[in-house]
């Protein structure tokens, strides 16, 4: 009798395992992606791609969306957007004009032992569109231009960032 109860218990466990492992629709877990063409050259930002919902000093929430691309062991390129957090109130999308007053920037970062140097470039013109998908992850697209200046604040060049997009970015709360 003990043996029969054990066999029934094993059979029940096996059937339960089969039942719960087979679903009609599989849940797919994608890793975040973030890419853009910088002056025509494709850059894939992978280390890391983040979105954080941060409460600011006024008590409002902001989304900080950040893509980092390591170039060498001591240098990186970062694209950062800071927007009002439309997801807190249940919103699903937002569009923003990128200009010098917009919070965010394109950053070139270099860090060597005993020293760190960052150059911040501010958006001159462009567009950012952000949506929250069905899994509450962020996806979006962007394009913008930023200017290069010398030490005397004379414009020396212009950089275009096109075909920018990101997806499957989890919002850290």
N, C-alpha and C. Protein backbone atom coordinates (compact mmCIF):
# COMPACT_ATOMS: atom_id res chain seq x y z
N UNK A 1 0.82 -1.19 0.00
CA UNK A 1 0.00 0.00 0.00
C UNK A 1 0.87 1.27 0.00
N UNK A 2 1.95 1.23 0.83
CA UNK A 2 2.85 2.36 0.89
C UNK A 2 3.47 2.63 -0.48
N UNK A 3 3.81 1.56 -1.17
CA UNK A 3 4.42 1.66 -2.49
C UNK A 3 3.44 2.28 -3.50
N UNK A 4 2.18 1.92 -3.44
CA UNK A 4 1.16 2.44 -4.34
C UNK A 4 0.95 3.94 -4.08
N UNK A 5 0.94 4.36 -2.83
CA UNK A 5 0.78 5.77 -2.48
C UNK A 5 1.97 6.57 -3.01
N UNK A 6 3.18 6.01 -2.87
CA UNK A 6 4.38 6.67 -3.38
C UNK A 6 4.32 6.83 -4.89
N UNK A 7 3.88 5.80 -5.60
CA UNK A 7 3.79 5.85 -7.05
C UNK A 7 2.75 6.88 -7.50
N UNK A 8 1.63 6.94 -6.80
CA UNK A 8 0.60 7.92 -7.13
C UNK A 8 1.14 9.34 -6.87
N UNK A 9 1.88 9.52 -5.78
CA UNK A 9 2.46 10.81 -5.46
C UNK A 9 3.47 11.23 -6.54
N UNK A 10 4.33 10.31 -6.96
CA UNK A 10 5.29 10.60 -8.04
C UNK A 10 4.57 10.95 -9.33
N UNK A 11 3.53 10.20 -9.64
CA UNK A 11 2.75 10.44 -10.87
C UNK A 11 2.09 11.83 -10.81
N UNK A 12 1.55 12.17 -9.64
CA UNK A 12 0.92 13.48 -9.46
C UNK A 12 1.95 14.60 -9.63
N UNK A 13 3.13 14.44 -9.05
CA UNK A 13 4.20 15.46 -9.18
C UNK A 13 4.63 15.61 -10.64
N UNK A 14 4.79 14.50 -11.33
CA UNK A 14 5.20 14.54 -12.74
C UNK A 14 4.14 15.22 -13.59
N UNK A 15 2.87 14.90 -13.36
CA UNK A 15 1.78 15.52 -14.12
C UNK A 15 1.71 17.02 -13.82
N UNK A 16 1.88 17.40 -12.56
CA UNK A 16 1.86 18.82 -12.20
C UNK A 16 3.00 19.57 -12.88
N UNK A 17 4.17 18.97 -12.88
CA UNK A 17 5.32 19.59 -13.53
C UNK A 17 5.06 19.78 -15.01
N UNK A 18 4.50 18.78 -15.67
CA UNK A 18 4.16 18.90 -17.09
C UNK A 18 3.11 19.97 -17.33
N UNK A 19 2.10 20.00 -16.50
CA UNK A 19 1.02 20.96 -16.65
C UNK A 19 1.51 22.40 -16.51
N UNK A 20 2.35 22.66 -15.51
CA UNK A 20 2.81 24.02 -15.27
C UNK A 20 3.94 24.44 -16.20
N UNK A 21 4.64 23.50 -16.80
CA UNK A 21 5.72 23.88 -17.71
C UNK A 21 5.22 24.12 -19.13
N UNK A 22 4.05 23.65 -19.48
CA UNK A 22 3.48 23.87 -20.81
C UNK A 22 2.43 24.96 -20.73
N UNK A 23 2.67 26.05 -21.42
CA UNK A 23 1.69 27.12 -21.47
C UNK A 23 1.41 27.45 -22.91
N UNK A 24 0.27 28.07 -23.15
CA UNK A 24 -0.12 28.45 -24.50
C UNK A 24 0.82 29.50 -25.07
N UNK A 25 1.15 30.49 -24.28
CA UNK A 25 2.00 31.58 -24.72
C UNK A 25 3.22 31.65 -23.82
N UNK A 26 4.39 31.53 -24.39
CA UNK A 26 5.58 31.57 -23.57
C UNK A 26 5.93 33.02 -23.27
N UNK A 27 6.43 33.26 -22.07
CA UNK A 27 6.85 34.59 -21.68
C UNK A 27 8.30 34.74 -22.10
N UNK A 28 8.57 35.75 -22.89
CA UNK A 28 9.91 35.94 -23.41
C UNK A 28 10.61 37.01 -22.60
N UNK A 29 11.81 36.71 -22.16
CA UNK A 29 12.59 37.67 -21.40
C UNK A 29 13.73 38.16 -22.28
N UNK A 30 13.59 39.36 -22.80
CA UNK A 30 14.61 39.93 -23.65
C UNK A 30 15.51 40.83 -22.83
N UNK A 31 16.74 40.95 -23.26
CA UNK A 31 17.62 41.89 -22.60
C UNK A 31 17.46 43.25 -23.27
N UNK A 32 17.73 44.32 -22.55
CA UNK A 32 17.55 45.65 -23.11
C UNK A 32 18.45 45.89 -24.32
N UNK A 33 17.94 46.64 -25.28
CA UNK A 33 18.77 47.04 -26.42
C UNK A 33 18.73 48.55 -26.54
N UNK A 34 19.80 49.13 -27.07
CA UNK A 34 19.93 50.58 -27.20
C UNK A 34 20.98 50.80 -28.28
N UNK A 35 20.60 51.44 -29.38
CA UNK A 35 21.55 51.67 -30.47
C UNK A 35 21.24 52.98 -31.18
N UNK A 36 22.24 53.47 -31.91
CA UNK A 36 22.09 54.70 -32.69
C UNK A 36 23.24 54.80 -33.67
N UNK A 37 23.02 55.56 -34.72
CA UNK A 37 24.11 55.87 -35.64
C UNK A 37 24.66 57.24 -35.25
N UNK A 38 25.96 57.28 -34.95
CA UNK A 38 26.63 58.52 -34.59
C UNK A 38 27.50 58.91 -35.78
N UNK A 39 27.12 60.00 -36.46
CA UNK A 39 27.76 60.41 -37.71
C UNK A 39 27.83 59.25 -38.70
N UNK A 40 26.75 58.48 -38.77
CA UNK A 40 26.65 57.39 -39.73
C UNK A 40 27.21 56.07 -39.27
N UNK A 41 27.92 56.03 -38.14
CA UNK A 41 28.51 54.79 -37.63
C UNK A 41 27.61 54.20 -36.54
N UNK A 42 27.18 52.95 -36.74
CA UNK A 42 26.29 52.29 -35.78
C UNK A 42 27.02 52.01 -34.47
N UNK A 43 26.40 52.42 -33.37
CA UNK A 43 26.91 52.12 -32.03
C UNK A 43 25.83 51.37 -31.28
N UNK A 44 26.21 50.27 -30.67
CA UNK A 44 25.30 49.49 -29.85
C UNK A 44 25.70 49.68 -28.39
N UNK A 45 24.80 50.27 -27.63
CA UNK A 45 25.06 50.57 -26.22
C UNK A 45 24.60 49.36 -25.41
N UNK A 46 25.54 48.73 -24.69
CA UNK A 46 25.20 47.49 -23.99
C UNK A 46 25.65 47.43 -22.54
N UNK A 47 26.39 48.37 -22.05
CA UNK A 47 26.99 48.15 -20.75
C UNK A 47 26.90 49.36 -19.82
N UNK A 48 25.88 49.58 -19.12
CA UNK A 48 24.55 48.97 -19.14
C UNK A 48 23.54 49.86 -19.85
N UNK A 49 22.34 49.36 -19.99
CA UNK A 49 21.19 50.14 -20.46
C UNK A 49 20.21 50.15 -19.29
N UNK A 50 19.85 51.33 -18.80
CA UNK A 50 18.99 51.40 -17.61
C UNK A 50 17.92 52.47 -17.76
N UNK A 51 16.88 52.33 -16.97
CA UNK A 51 15.86 53.36 -16.79
C UNK A 51 15.51 53.36 -15.31
N UNK A 52 15.59 54.50 -14.69
CA UNK A 52 15.27 54.62 -13.27
C UNK A 52 14.20 55.67 -13.08
N UNK A 53 13.22 55.36 -12.25
CA UNK A 53 12.22 56.33 -11.84
C UNK A 53 12.74 56.94 -10.54
N UNK A 54 13.05 58.24 -10.60
CA UNK A 54 13.70 58.93 -9.48
C UNK A 54 12.81 60.08 -9.01
N UNK A 55 12.61 60.16 -7.70
CA UNK A 55 11.84 61.27 -7.13
C UNK A 55 12.78 62.46 -6.97
N UNK A 56 12.43 63.59 -7.58
CA UNK A 56 13.30 64.76 -7.49
C UNK A 56 12.97 65.61 -6.27
N UNK A 57 13.68 66.71 -6.09
CA UNK A 57 13.50 67.57 -4.91
C UNK A 57 12.10 68.17 -4.81
N UNK A 58 11.42 68.33 -5.95
CA UNK A 58 10.06 68.89 -5.94
C UNK A 58 9.00 67.84 -5.60
N UNK A 59 9.39 66.59 -5.44
CA UNK A 59 8.44 65.52 -5.15
C UNK A 59 7.88 64.87 -6.40
N UNK A 60 8.29 65.33 -7.58
CA UNK A 60 7.86 64.72 -8.84
C UNK A 60 8.82 63.61 -9.23
N UNK A 61 8.34 62.71 -10.08
CA UNK A 61 9.19 61.61 -10.53
C UNK A 61 9.72 61.90 -11.93
N UNK A 62 10.98 61.50 -12.15
CA UNK A 62 11.62 61.62 -13.46
C UNK A 62 12.12 60.25 -13.89
N UNK A 63 12.10 60.02 -15.20
CA UNK A 63 12.71 58.83 -15.76
C UNK A 63 14.10 59.20 -16.25
N UNK A 64 15.09 58.47 -15.79
CA UNK A 64 16.47 58.65 -16.25
C UNK A 64 16.77 57.45 -17.15
N UNK A 65 16.85 57.67 -18.45
CA UNK A 65 17.12 56.60 -19.42
C UNK A 65 18.57 56.76 -19.86
N UNK A 66 19.35 55.69 -19.74
CA UNK A 66 20.78 55.78 -19.94
C UNK A 66 21.29 54.61 -20.75
N UNK A 67 22.04 54.91 -21.80
CA UNK A 67 22.72 53.87 -22.58
C UNK A 67 24.20 54.15 -22.54
N UNK A 68 25.00 53.14 -22.22
CA UNK A 68 26.45 53.29 -22.12
C UNK A 68 27.13 52.33 -23.07
N UNK A 69 28.10 52.82 -23.81
CA UNK A 69 28.90 51.98 -24.70
C UNK A 69 30.36 52.14 -24.33
N UNK A 70 30.96 51.04 -23.86
CA UNK A 70 32.39 51.06 -23.52
C UNK A 70 33.17 51.00 -24.82
N UNK A 71 34.07 51.95 -25.02
CA UNK A 71 34.91 52.01 -26.21
C UNK A 71 36.21 51.25 -25.97
N UNK A 72 36.90 51.59 -24.89
CA UNK A 72 38.11 50.88 -24.47
C UNK A 72 37.96 50.62 -22.98
N UNK A 73 38.98 50.05 -22.36
CA UNK A 73 38.92 49.80 -20.91
C UNK A 73 38.76 51.07 -20.10
N UNK A 74 39.20 52.21 -20.66
CA UNK A 74 39.15 53.45 -19.88
C UNK A 74 38.28 54.54 -20.50
N UNK A 75 37.51 54.22 -21.55
CA UNK A 75 36.65 55.25 -22.14
C UNK A 75 35.29 54.69 -22.52
N UNK A 76 34.30 55.57 -22.44
CA UNK A 76 32.91 55.20 -22.74
C UNK A 76 32.20 56.36 -23.41
N UNK A 77 31.10 56.05 -24.08
CA UNK A 77 30.18 57.04 -24.60
C UNK A 77 28.83 56.76 -23.95
N UNK A 78 28.16 57.81 -23.51
CA UNK A 78 26.89 57.68 -22.79
C UNK A 78 25.87 58.61 -23.42
N UNK A 79 24.65 58.10 -23.62
CA UNK A 79 23.52 58.96 -24.00
C UNK A 79 22.55 58.91 -22.83
N UNK A 80 22.16 60.10 -22.35
CA UNK A 80 21.28 60.17 -21.18
C UNK A 80 20.11 61.09 -21.48
N UNK A 81 18.90 60.61 -21.17
CA UNK A 81 17.68 61.40 -21.28
C UNK A 81 17.04 61.46 -19.90
N UNK A 82 16.55 62.62 -19.49
CA UNK A 82 15.83 62.78 -18.22
C UNK A 82 14.49 63.43 -18.57
N UNK A 83 13.40 62.67 -18.34
CA UNK A 83 12.06 63.15 -18.68
C UNK A 83 11.12 62.97 -17.50
N UNK A 84 10.02 63.74 -17.46
CA UNK A 84 9.01 63.48 -16.43
C UNK A 84 8.51 62.04 -16.55
N UNK A 85 8.34 61.35 -15.43
CA UNK A 85 7.93 59.93 -15.45
C UNK A 85 6.44 59.81 -15.71
N UNK A 86 6.09 59.62 -16.98
CA UNK A 86 4.69 59.48 -17.39
C UNK A 86 4.11 58.15 -16.94
N UNK A 87 4.94 57.16 -16.57
CA UNK A 87 4.44 55.84 -16.19
C UNK A 87 3.86 55.81 -14.78
N UNK A 88 4.26 56.73 -13.91
CA UNK A 88 3.76 56.76 -12.53
C UNK A 88 2.24 56.96 -12.50
N UNK A 89 1.74 57.81 -13.38
CA UNK A 89 0.31 58.10 -13.42
C UNK A 89 -0.43 57.18 -14.39
N UNK A 90 0.23 56.10 -14.85
CA UNK A 90 -0.42 55.15 -15.74
C UNK A 90 -0.36 55.54 -17.20
N UNK A 91 0.48 56.51 -17.55
CA UNK A 91 0.62 56.90 -18.95
C UNK A 91 1.34 55.83 -19.76
N UNK A 92 1.17 55.87 -21.07
CA UNK A 92 1.80 54.84 -21.90
C UNK A 92 2.81 55.41 -22.88
N UNK A 93 2.82 56.74 -23.12
CA UNK A 93 3.79 57.28 -24.06
C UNK A 93 4.02 58.77 -23.83
N UNK A 94 5.15 59.26 -24.37
CA UNK A 94 5.49 60.68 -24.29
C UNK A 94 6.43 61.03 -25.44
N UNK A 95 6.30 62.25 -25.94
CA UNK A 95 7.18 62.77 -26.98
C UNK A 95 7.84 64.04 -26.47
N UNK A 96 9.11 64.20 -26.81
CA UNK A 96 9.86 65.36 -26.33
C UNK A 96 10.72 65.94 -27.44
N UNK A 97 10.77 67.26 -27.50
CA UNK A 97 11.70 67.96 -28.38
C UNK A 97 13.04 68.03 -27.67
N UNK A 98 14.10 67.65 -28.35
CA UNK A 98 15.44 67.73 -27.77
C UNK A 98 16.08 69.04 -28.21
N UNK A 99 16.48 69.85 -27.22
CA UNK A 99 17.11 71.14 -27.47
C UNK A 99 18.05 71.44 -26.30
N UNK A 100 18.78 72.56 -26.33
CA UNK A 100 19.74 72.82 -25.24
C UNK A 100 19.11 72.90 -23.85
N UNK A 101 17.81 73.18 -23.74
CA UNK A 101 17.15 73.26 -22.44
C UNK A 101 16.70 71.90 -21.91
N UNK A 102 16.74 70.87 -22.75
CA UNK A 102 16.30 69.53 -22.36
C UNK A 102 17.31 68.92 -21.40
N UNK A 103 16.81 68.25 -20.34
CA UNK A 103 17.70 67.58 -19.40
C UNK A 103 18.23 66.29 -20.04
N UNK A 104 19.50 66.21 -20.20
CA UNK A 104 20.12 65.05 -20.79
C UNK A 104 21.26 65.48 -21.67
N UNK A 105 22.06 64.51 -22.14
CA UNK A 105 23.20 64.87 -22.96
C UNK A 105 23.89 63.64 -23.55
N UNK A 106 24.85 63.93 -24.40
CA UNK A 106 25.74 62.94 -24.99
C UNK A 106 27.07 63.16 -24.27
N UNK A 107 27.62 62.10 -23.67
CA UNK A 107 28.80 62.25 -22.81
C UNK A 107 29.92 61.36 -23.32
N UNK A 108 31.12 61.93 -23.42
CA UNK A 108 32.33 61.15 -23.68
C UNK A 108 33.08 61.10 -22.36
N UNK A 109 33.35 59.89 -21.87
CA UNK A 109 33.94 59.69 -20.55
C UNK A 109 35.27 58.96 -20.68
N UNK A 110 36.28 59.47 -20.00
CA UNK A 110 37.59 58.82 -19.99
C UNK A 110 38.06 58.77 -18.54
N UNK A 111 38.44 57.58 -18.10
CA UNK A 111 38.88 57.40 -16.72
C UNK A 111 40.17 56.59 -16.72
N UNK A 112 41.20 57.16 -16.16
CA UNK A 112 42.49 56.46 -15.99
C UNK A 112 42.84 56.56 -14.52
N UNK A 113 43.74 55.71 -14.02
CA UNK A 113 44.08 55.77 -12.60
C UNK A 113 44.44 57.19 -12.15
N UNK A 114 43.75 57.66 -11.16
CA UNK A 114 44.01 58.98 -10.59
C UNK A 114 43.36 60.14 -11.33
N UNK A 115 42.61 59.86 -12.40
CA UNK A 115 42.02 60.96 -13.16
C UNK A 115 40.77 60.49 -13.90
N UNK A 116 39.80 61.37 -13.99
CA UNK A 116 38.60 61.11 -14.78
C UNK A 116 38.24 62.40 -15.51
N UNK A 117 37.80 62.26 -16.75
CA UNK A 117 37.47 63.43 -17.56
C UNK A 117 36.20 63.12 -18.34
N UNK A 118 35.26 64.06 -18.32
CA UNK A 118 34.03 63.89 -19.07
C UNK A 118 33.75 65.15 -19.88
N UNK A 119 33.30 64.96 -21.12
CA UNK A 119 32.84 66.06 -21.94
C UNK A 119 31.36 65.86 -22.17
N UNK A 120 30.59 66.89 -21.82
CA UNK A 120 29.14 66.85 -21.96
C UNK A 120 28.75 67.66 -23.20
N UNK A 121 27.97 67.05 -24.07
CA UNK A 121 27.45 67.73 -25.25
C UNK A 121 25.94 67.80 -25.10
N UNK A 122 25.38 68.98 -25.30
CA UNK A 122 23.96 69.17 -25.11
C UNK A 122 23.23 69.10 -26.44
N UNK A 123 22.01 68.59 -26.40
CA UNK A 123 21.20 68.44 -27.60
C UNK A 123 20.93 69.82 -28.21
N UNK A 124 21.10 69.94 -29.50
CA UNK A 124 20.78 71.19 -30.19
C UNK A 124 19.38 71.12 -30.79
N UNK A 125 19.07 70.03 -31.45
CA UNK A 125 17.71 69.83 -31.95
C UNK A 125 17.51 68.34 -32.17
N UNK A 126 16.30 67.90 -32.01
CA UNK A 126 16.00 66.48 -32.18
C UNK A 126 14.66 66.11 -31.59
N UNK A 127 14.42 64.81 -31.54
CA UNK A 127 13.13 64.28 -31.08
C UNK A 127 13.36 63.01 -30.27
N UNK A 128 12.60 62.83 -29.21
CA UNK A 128 12.61 61.62 -28.39
C UNK A 128 11.17 61.16 -28.22
N UNK A 129 10.90 59.90 -28.55
CA UNK A 129 9.58 59.29 -28.32
C UNK A 129 9.78 58.07 -27.44
N UNK A 130 8.99 57.98 -26.36
CA UNK A 130 9.12 56.88 -25.41
C UNK A 130 7.74 56.28 -25.18
N UNK A 131 7.67 54.94 -25.16
CA UNK A 131 6.44 54.22 -24.87
C UNK A 131 6.72 53.16 -23.81
N UNK A 132 5.68 52.88 -23.04
CA UNK A 132 5.72 51.76 -22.10
C UNK A 132 4.96 50.62 -22.75
N UNK A 133 5.59 49.44 -22.87
CA UNK A 133 4.92 48.33 -23.55
C UNK A 133 4.06 47.54 -22.57
N UNK A 134 3.46 46.47 -23.03
CA UNK A 134 2.52 45.68 -22.22
C UNK A 134 3.19 45.06 -20.99
N UNK A 135 4.50 44.87 -21.01
CA UNK A 135 5.21 44.30 -19.87
C UNK A 135 5.77 45.37 -18.94
N UNK A 136 5.38 46.63 -19.17
CA UNK A 136 5.85 47.79 -18.38
C UNK A 136 7.33 48.09 -18.61
N UNK A 137 7.88 47.66 -19.75
CA UNK A 137 9.23 48.03 -20.13
C UNK A 137 9.16 49.22 -21.07
N UNK A 138 10.26 49.95 -21.17
CA UNK A 138 10.31 51.10 -22.05
C UNK A 138 10.87 50.74 -23.42
N UNK A 139 10.33 51.40 -24.44
CA UNK A 139 10.90 51.34 -25.78
C UNK A 139 10.75 52.73 -26.35
N UNK A 140 11.60 53.05 -27.32
CA UNK A 140 11.50 54.38 -27.88
C UNK A 140 12.46 54.61 -29.03
N UNK A 141 12.37 55.80 -29.57
CA UNK A 141 13.25 56.19 -30.68
C UNK A 141 13.71 57.63 -30.46
N UNK A 142 14.85 57.96 -31.06
CA UNK A 142 15.38 59.31 -30.90
C UNK A 142 16.32 59.65 -32.04
N UNK A 143 16.50 60.94 -32.23
CA UNK A 143 17.53 61.48 -33.12
C UNK A 143 17.82 62.89 -32.63
N UNK A 144 19.06 63.31 -32.82
CA UNK A 144 19.44 64.65 -32.38
C UNK A 144 20.78 65.04 -33.00
N UNK A 145 21.09 66.32 -32.85
CA UNK A 145 22.37 66.88 -33.27
C UNK A 145 23.00 67.53 -32.05
N UNK A 146 24.32 67.43 -31.94
CA UNK A 146 25.01 68.22 -30.93
C UNK A 146 26.23 68.87 -31.58
N UNK A 147 26.67 69.99 -30.99
CA UNK A 147 27.77 70.77 -31.56
C UNK A 147 29.05 70.53 -30.77
N UNK A 148 30.18 70.65 -31.46
CA UNK A 148 31.49 70.60 -30.84
C UNK A 148 32.03 72.03 -30.75
N UNK A 149 32.67 72.37 -29.65
CA UNK A 149 33.23 73.71 -29.44
C UNK A 149 34.68 73.61 -29.00
N UNK A 150 35.47 74.61 -29.34
CA UNK A 150 36.85 74.65 -28.85
C UNK A 150 36.88 75.36 -27.49
N UNK A 151 38.07 75.58 -26.95
CA UNK A 151 38.21 76.19 -25.61
C UNK A 151 37.72 77.65 -25.56
N UNK A 152 37.64 78.30 -26.71
CA UNK A 152 37.14 79.68 -26.75
C UNK A 152 35.64 79.73 -27.08
N UNK A 153 34.96 78.59 -27.01
CA UNK A 153 33.52 78.47 -27.26
C UNK A 153 33.15 78.77 -28.70
N UNK A 154 34.08 78.51 -29.62
CA UNK A 154 33.80 78.65 -31.03
C UNK A 154 33.37 77.29 -31.57
N UNK A 155 32.25 77.27 -32.28
CA UNK A 155 31.75 76.01 -32.84
C UNK A 155 32.76 75.47 -33.86
N UNK A 156 33.16 74.20 -33.65
CA UNK A 156 34.13 73.57 -34.55
C UNK A 156 33.55 72.41 -35.33
N UNK A 157 32.36 71.97 -34.97
CA UNK A 157 31.78 70.84 -35.68
C UNK A 157 30.38 70.54 -35.22
N UNK A 158 29.77 69.59 -35.90
CA UNK A 158 28.40 69.18 -35.61
C UNK A 158 28.34 67.66 -35.74
N UNK A 159 27.70 67.01 -34.80
CA UNK A 159 27.57 65.55 -34.81
C UNK A 159 26.09 65.20 -34.89
N UNK A 160 25.72 64.30 -35.80
CA UNK A 160 24.33 63.87 -35.91
C UNK A 160 24.19 62.46 -35.34
N UNK A 161 23.15 62.28 -34.57
CA UNK A 161 22.80 60.98 -34.02
C UNK A 161 21.44 60.63 -34.61
N UNK A 162 21.40 59.56 -35.43
CA UNK A 162 20.17 59.18 -36.13
C UNK A 162 19.83 57.73 -35.84
N UNK A 163 18.62 57.35 -36.21
CA UNK A 163 18.14 55.97 -36.08
C UNK A 163 18.34 55.41 -34.67
N UNK A 164 18.22 56.29 -33.67
CA UNK A 164 18.36 55.85 -32.29
C UNK A 164 17.11 55.11 -31.85
N UNK A 165 17.30 54.00 -31.15
CA UNK A 165 16.15 53.28 -30.59
C UNK A 165 16.60 52.45 -29.40
N UNK A 166 15.63 52.16 -28.55
CA UNK A 166 15.87 51.28 -27.41
C UNK A 166 14.59 50.49 -27.16
N UNK A 167 14.75 49.31 -26.56
CA UNK A 167 13.58 48.48 -26.25
C UNK A 167 13.92 47.55 -25.09
N UNK A 168 12.86 47.02 -24.48
CA UNK A 168 12.97 46.07 -23.37
C UNK A 168 13.78 46.62 -22.19
N UNK A 169 13.70 47.93 -21.98
CA UNK A 169 14.41 48.55 -20.87
C UNK A 169 13.49 48.54 -19.65
N UNK A 170 13.91 47.83 -18.62
CA UNK A 170 13.13 47.68 -17.38
C UNK A 170 13.26 48.95 -16.54
N UNK A 171 12.14 49.43 -16.05
CA UNK A 171 12.14 50.62 -15.19
C UNK A 171 12.44 50.19 -13.76
N UNK A 172 13.55 50.70 -13.22
CA UNK A 172 13.91 50.44 -11.82
C UNK A 172 13.19 51.46 -10.95
N UNK A 173 12.50 50.97 -9.95
CA UNK A 173 11.75 51.86 -9.07
C UNK A 173 12.30 51.79 -7.68
